[in-house]
Amino acid sequence: MTKIKIILPTILLFVGSLLNAQKIAVVDVQKTFDGYQKVKDARERLDRSKKIAVEELEIFKDELEKIVKELKEMEEKLKNPNIESSDLKEKYQEKLKKAKEKQEDMVAYDKRAKATIAQRQRNLLVEHLGDIREAVKKVSLAKGLDLVVNASETQLGVFYHSDKLDITKDVIVTLNAESKK
């Protein structure tokens, strides 16, 4: 009797799901992002911006190192008792002030550059996620799908799926076809 109580609801659930069969598919959103040409182009622009920021920081660093070298030379001269030091001390203080300003400028530029790049990365995600949603919707409507689930490895919701459920390639093709228009 107990077995019937367990088996009967299971059978009814199975039969009910067959009668109301839903078409389900998965899409790997990360692969879709990586395959979307607009995202590739945006990432290239972002990488160029990062490279420029690094080059600018190197210029700041080189200028600062030059000033520090000059300061060390002045310190050596200040240690020499045979050299008149009042004028040299004044120049040393000016150079020291210049070094501090240069360092503050470098730190400020670094913060601005990092904030700008981080904002661009967030914008890239937000901007193109809308495109991906639209492409998933188009593919889903064309295939008569009722539900599409993200199957990215970084997501914990899907642990297994059959390859026949994966519409990632179709979504990438749709996205790239739309972006060429």
Protein backbone atom coordinates (compact mmCIF):
# COMPACT_ATOMS: atom_id res chain seq x y z
CA MET A 1 0.00 0.00 0.00
CA THR A 2 2.82 2.40 0.88
CA LYS A 3 4.56 1.70 -2.44
CA ILE A 4 1.37 2.57 -4.32
CA LYS A 5 1.16 5.89 -2.44
CA ILE A 6 4.67 6.76 -3.63
CA ILE A 7 4.54 5.32 -7.14
CA LEU A 8 1.08 6.60 -8.11
CA PRO A 9 1.86 10.32 -7.62
CA THR A 10 5.16 9.86 -9.45
CA ILE A 11 3.40 8.25 -12.41
CA LEU A 12 0.73 10.95 -12.42
CA LEU A 13 3.41 13.65 -12.36
CA PHE A 14 5.25 11.99 -15.23
CA VAL A 15 2.07 11.59 -17.32
CA GLY A 16 1.08 15.18 -16.54
CA SER A 17 4.45 16.48 -17.65
CA LEU A 18 4.17 14.51 -20.89
CA LEU A 19 0.77 16.02 -21.60
CA ASN A 20 2.07 19.53 -20.94
CA ALA A 21 5.54 19.01 -22.39
CA GLN A 22 7.52 22.21 -22.39
CA LYS A 23 10.31 22.85 -24.85
CA ILE A 24 13.41 23.78 -22.91
CA ALA A 25 16.85 24.83 -24.13
CA VAL A 26 20.07 26.16 -22.68
CA VAL A 27 22.40 28.94 -23.76
CA ASP A 28 25.90 29.55 -22.47
CA VAL A 29 25.82 33.31 -21.96
CA GLN A 30 29.60 33.50 -21.41
CA LYS A 31 30.32 31.73 -24.71
CA THR A 32 27.72 33.96 -26.34
CA PHE A 33 29.49 37.06 -25.03
CA ASP A 34 32.82 35.71 -26.23
CA GLY A 35 31.42 34.93 -29.68
CA TYR A 36 29.55 38.22 -30.17
CA GLN A 37 31.51 40.45 -32.57
CA LYS A 38 30.38 43.71 -30.93
CA VAL A 39 31.75 42.45 -27.60
CA LYS A 40 35.02 41.42 -29.25
CA ASP A 41 35.33 44.90 -30.77
CA ALA A 42 34.49 46.59 -27.47
CA ARG A 43 37.04 44.44 -25.64
CA GLU A 44 39.71 45.42 -28.18
CA ARG A 45 38.93 49.10 -27.59
CA LEU A 46 39.04 48.49 -23.84
CA ASP A 47 42.39 46.73 -24.16
CA ARG A 48 43.77 49.68 -26.17
CA SER A 49 42.56 52.05 -23.44
CA LYS A 50 44.28 49.92 -20.80
CA LYS A 51 47.49 49.90 -22.83
CA ILE A 52 47.40 53.70 -23.18
CA ALA A 53 46.82 54.08 -19.44
CA VAL A 54 49.79 51.82 -18.68
CA GLU A 55 51.97 53.81 -21.10
CA GLU A 56 50.91 57.08 -19.45
CA LEU A 57 51.72 55.67 -16.03
CA GLU A 58 55.15 54.63 -17.30
CA ILE A 59 55.75 58.22 -18.44
CA PHE A 60 54.78 59.48 -14.97
CA LYS A 61 57.04 56.88 -13.39
CA ASP A 62 60.00 57.77 -15.62
CA GLU A 63 59.59 61.49 -14.87
CA LEU A 64 59.36 60.77 -11.16
CA GLU A 65 62.46 58.56 -11.26
CA LYS A 66 64.37 61.34 -13.04
CA ILE A 67 63.38 63.82 -10.32
CA VAL A 68 64.34 61.36 -7.57
CA LYS A 69 67.74 60.85 -9.23
CA GLU A 70 68.26 64.63 -9.31
CA LEU A 71 67.24 64.83 -5.64
CA LYS A 72 69.82 62.19 -4.70
CA GLU A 73 72.51 64.10 -6.56
CA MET A 74 71.53 67.27 -4.71
CA GLU A 75 71.62 65.42 -1.38
CA GLU A 76 75.19 64.33 -2.10
CA LYS A 77 76.15 67.93 -2.87
CA LEU A 78 74.47 69.12 0.32
CA LYS A 79 76.64 66.72 2.32
CA ASN A 80 79.78 68.37 0.92
CA PRO A 81 80.88 71.13 3.33
CA ASN A 82 82.86 72.93 0.60
CA ILE A 83 79.75 73.81 -1.43
CA GLU A 84 77.58 76.84 -0.60
CA SER A 85 74.34 75.15 0.36
CA SER A 86 71.73 77.88 0.93
CA ASP A 87 70.87 78.22 -2.77
CA LEU A 88 71.14 74.44 -3.22
CA LYS A 89 68.80 73.80 -0.27
CA GLU A 90 66.21 76.06 -1.85
CA LYS A 91 66.49 74.23 -5.18
CA TYR A 92 66.32 70.93 -3.32
CA GLN A 93 63.07 71.96 -1.60
CA GLU A 94 61.57 73.06 -4.93
CA LYS A 95 62.58 69.75 -6.53
CA LEU A 96 61.16 67.83 -3.57
CA LYS A 97 57.86 69.69 -3.93
CA LYS A 98 57.85 68.92 -7.65
CA ALA A 99 58.43 65.21 -6.89
CA LYS A 100 55.49 65.12 -4.47
CA GLU A 101 53.23 66.84 -7.00
CA LYS A 102 54.32 64.42 -9.72
CA GLN A 103 53.61 61.46 -7.44
CA GLU A 104 50.17 62.84 -6.50
CA ASP A 105 49.41 63.40 -10.20
CA MET A 106 50.45 59.83 -10.98
CA VAL A 107 48.26 58.37 -8.23
CA ALA A 108 45.30 60.53 -9.29
CA TYR A 109 45.72 59.52 -12.94
CA ASP A 110 45.93 55.85 -11.96
CA LYS A 111 42.69 56.10 -9.95
CA ARG A 112 40.88 57.91 -12.77
CA ALA A 113 42.09 55.44 -15.39
CA LYS A 114 41.06 52.42 -13.30
CA ALA A 115 37.63 53.94 -12.58
CA THR A 116 37.09 54.75 -16.26
CA ILE A 117 38.08 51.27 -17.39
CA ALA A 118 35.89 49.64 -14.73
CA GLN A 119 32.94 51.76 -15.84
CA ARG A 120 33.53 50.81 -19.48
CA GLN A 121 33.59 47.12 -18.49
CA ARG A 122 30.26 47.49 -16.68
CA ASN A 123 28.80 49.35 -19.66
CA LEU A 124 30.01 46.62 -22.00
CA LEU A 125 28.17 44.01 -19.94
CA VAL A 126 24.95 45.98 -19.61
CA GLU A 127 24.86 47.18 -23.21
CA HIS A 128 25.43 43.80 -24.81
CA LEU A 129 23.37 41.75 -22.37
CA GLY A 130 20.28 43.43 -23.82
CA ASP A 131 21.35 42.38 -27.31
CA ILE A 132 21.88 38.81 -26.11
CA ARG A 133 18.44 38.71 -24.48
CA GLU A 134 16.85 39.86 -27.74
CA ALA A 135 18.75 37.26 -29.76
CA VAL A 136 17.78 34.51 -27.30
CA LYS A 137 14.17 35.63 -27.63
CA LYS A 138 14.33 35.51 -31.46
CA VAL A 139 15.91 32.05 -31.49
CA SER A 140 13.44 30.82 -28.87
CA LEU A 141 10.45 32.05 -30.84
CA ALA A 142 11.85 30.53 -34.04
CA LYS A 143 12.37 27.17 -32.33
CA GLY A 144 9.13 27.29 -30.35
CA LEU A 145 10.90 27.17 -27.00
CA ASP A 146 9.13 27.80 -23.72
CA LEU A 147 12.15 28.18 -21.45
CA VAL A 148 15.85 28.96 -21.96
CA VAL A 149 18.29 28.55 -19.08
CA ASN A 150 21.83 29.95 -18.78
CA ALA A 151 24.30 27.05 -18.88
CA SER A 152 27.55 28.98 -18.33
CA GLU A 153 30.11 27.14 -16.24
CA THR A 154 30.18 30.13 -13.91
CA GLN A 155 26.48 29.66 -13.17
CA LEU A 156 25.38 27.05 -10.65
CA GLY A 157 21.86 26.49 -12.01
CA VAL A 158 22.57 23.90 -14.70
CA PHE A 159 24.77 20.91 -13.91
CA TYR A 160 23.99 18.89 -17.00
CA HIS A 161 22.26 19.38 -20.31
CA SER A 162 22.06 17.49 -23.53
CA ASP A 163 23.86 19.11 -26.46
CA LYS A 164 20.61 19.06 -28.43
CA LEU A 165 19.20 21.61 -25.97
CA ASP A 166 22.10 24.06 -26.48
CA ILE A 167 21.15 27.03 -28.69
CA THR A 168 24.31 29.05 -27.96
CA LYS A 169 25.61 28.83 -31.56
CA ASP A 170 22.23 29.92 -32.94
CA VAL A 171 22.20 32.92 -30.60
CA ILE A 172 25.75 33.95 -31.60
CA VAL A 173 24.85 33.68 -35.29
CA THR A 174 21.72 35.77 -34.70
CA LEU A 175 23.66 38.41 -32.76
CA ASN A 176 26.42 38.73 -35.32
CA ALA A 177 23.93 38.83 -38.19
CA GLU A 178 22.04 41.65 -36.45
CA SER A 179 25.22 43.62 -35.73
CA LYS A 180 26.17 43.66 -39.45
CA LYS A 181 22.93 45.38 -40.41
